[in-house]
Amino acid sequence: MSLLGLKGLTEMISIHPVFVHFPVALMCVSALFYFLGAATKKQGLAEAARWTLYAGTLTCVPAIWTGLRAEHLAQLDAEAGEIVELHEKLGFVILILCAALRKRAACFWPPARSYF
């Protein structure tokens, strides 16, 4: 039996590594779209940046949740435990920064049309 059709996931101790890469990738792509949008003055790139920023912010939540659930699974020494604690704090800091950037991005590039 496989999880989500991916056999290797059943052998993982935690699925946190699967989820943690989505916000990282989406934030990088969002920054790229923002820089390209600012350089070319194209509204479409600014909107793509905004939507990838929204998606990146939303995907921080399952990444943090799976990380908190996985924290107790590993047997860590004191030094590794400190690194995990820093990793956890950085996850929350990134979530807060992404939420703040999402709000700030709406001020810089208001949507050309309303979606909702």
Protein backbone atom coordinates (compact mmCIF):
# COMPACT_ATOMS: atom_id res chain seq x y z
CA MET A 1 0.00 0.00 0.00
CA SER A 2 1.24 3.49 -0.72
CA LEU A 3 0.52 6.92 0.68
CA LEU A 4 -0.76 9.34 -1.98
CA GLY A 5 0.46 6.89 -4.62
CA LEU A 6 4.08 7.34 -3.53
CA LYS A 7 5.49 4.11 -2.09
CA GLY A 8 8.49 5.79 -0.46
CA LEU A 9 6.29 7.91 1.80
CA THR A 10 5.23 4.83 3.76
CA GLU A 11 8.84 4.29 4.79
CA MET A 12 9.39 7.81 6.10
CA ILE A 13 9.34 8.45 9.84
CA SER A 14 7.81 11.88 9.23
CA ILE A 15 6.27 13.55 6.19
CA HIS A 16 7.56 16.97 7.30
CA PRO A 17 10.34 17.00 4.64
CA VAL A 18 7.66 16.61 1.95
CA PHE A 19 5.74 19.68 3.12
CA VAL A 20 8.59 21.99 4.08
CA HIS A 21 9.82 22.48 0.53
CA PHE A 22 6.60 23.98 -0.83
CA PRO A 23 6.77 27.29 1.08
CA VAL A 24 10.48 27.61 0.37
CA ALA A 25 10.01 27.15 -3.38
CA LEU A 26 6.91 29.34 -3.56
CA MET A 27 8.58 32.19 -1.66
CA CYS A 28 11.60 32.09 -3.98
CA VAL A 29 9.40 32.10 -7.07
CA SER A 30 7.30 34.92 -5.61
CA ALA A 31 10.40 37.05 -5.02
CA LEU A 32 11.54 36.37 -8.58
CA PHE A 33 8.14 37.40 -9.95
CA TYR A 34 8.18 40.59 -7.84
CA PHE A 35 11.63 41.59 -9.08
CA LEU A 36 10.72 40.83 -12.70
CA GLY A 37 7.40 42.66 -12.31
CA ALA A 38 9.12 45.71 -10.88
CA ALA A 39 11.80 45.67 -13.59
CA THR A 40 9.39 45.21 -16.49
CA LYS A 41 6.38 47.05 -14.99
CA LYS A 42 4.13 44.15 -16.04
CA GLN A 43 1.00 43.79 -13.93
CA GLY A 44 0.72 40.08 -14.77
CA LEU A 45 4.04 39.33 -13.07
CA ALA A 46 2.99 41.32 -10.03
CA GLU A 47 -0.24 39.33 -9.81
CA ALA A 48 1.66 36.04 -10.22
CA ALA A 49 3.99 37.17 -7.43
CA ARG A 50 1.04 37.96 -5.19
CA TRP A 51 -0.64 34.60 -5.77
CA THR A 52 2.55 32.61 -5.22
CA LEU A 53 3.13 34.62 -2.04
CA TYR A 54 -0.41 33.71 -0.89
CA ALA A 55 0.20 30.05 -1.70
CA GLY A 56 3.59 30.11 0.04
CA THR A 57 2.04 31.64 3.15
CA LEU A 58 -0.71 29.03 3.22
CA THR A 59 1.72 26.15 2.74
CA CYS A 60 3.73 27.33 5.76
CA VAL A 61 0.89 26.08 7.96
CA PRO A 62 1.09 22.36 7.08
CA ALA A 63 4.88 22.59 7.05
CA ILE A 64 4.91 23.90 10.61
CA TRP A 65 2.18 21.49 11.72
CA THR A 66 4.00 18.43 10.36
CA GLY A 67 7.24 19.70 11.88
CA LEU A 68 5.68 20.06 15.32
CA ARG A 69 4.22 16.56 15.06
CA ALA A 70 7.60 15.14 13.96
CA GLU A 71 9.60 16.86 16.69
CA HIS A 72 9.11 14.07 19.22
CA LEU A 73 9.94 11.28 16.76
CA ALA A 74 13.69 11.89 16.63
CA GLN A 75 16.06 10.98 19.43
CA LEU A 76 18.33 14.03 19.61
CA ASP A 77 21.31 14.98 21.69
CA ALA A 78 21.48 18.46 23.24
CA GLU A 79 23.22 20.11 20.30
CA ALA A 80 20.86 18.64 17.71
CA GLY A 81 17.91 19.58 19.93
CA GLU A 82 19.05 23.21 19.90
CA ILE A 83 19.24 23.14 16.10
CA VAL A 84 15.72 21.72 15.90
CA GLU A 85 14.47 24.45 18.26
CA LEU A 86 16.07 27.11 16.05
CA HIS A 87 14.53 25.46 12.98
CA GLU A 88 11.12 25.55 14.68
CA LYS A 89 11.45 29.23 15.62
CA LEU A 90 12.55 30.11 12.10
CA GLY A 91 9.46 28.36 10.74
CA PHE A 92 7.21 30.59 12.82
CA VAL A 93 9.24 33.70 11.92
CA ILE A 94 8.94 32.88 8.20
CA LEU A 95 5.17 32.38 8.57
CA ILE A 96 4.81 35.78 10.25
CA LEU A 97 7.05 37.47 7.68
CA CYS A 98 5.14 35.89 4.80
CA ALA A 99 1.83 37.04 6.24
CA ALA A 100 3.23 40.56 6.69
CA LEU A 101 4.67 40.58 3.18
CA ARG A 102 1.36 39.37 1.80
CA LYS A 103 -0.39 42.32 3.43
CA ARG A 104 2.32 44.74 2.31
CA ALA A 105 2.32 43.40 -1.26
CA ALA A 106 -1.35 44.33 -1.61
CA CYS A 107 -0.36 47.95 -0.88
CA PHE A 108 2.34 48.06 -3.55
CA TRP A 109 0.46 46.33 -6.33
CA PRO A 110 -3.28 46.56 -5.91
CA PRO A 111 -5.05 43.99 -8.04
CA ALA A 112 -6.08 45.11 -11.50
CA ARG A 113 -9.50 43.58 -10.89
CA SER A 114 -11.28 42.06 -7.95
CA TYR A 115 -11.38 38.27 -7.76
CA PHE A 116 -13.73 38.06 -4.80
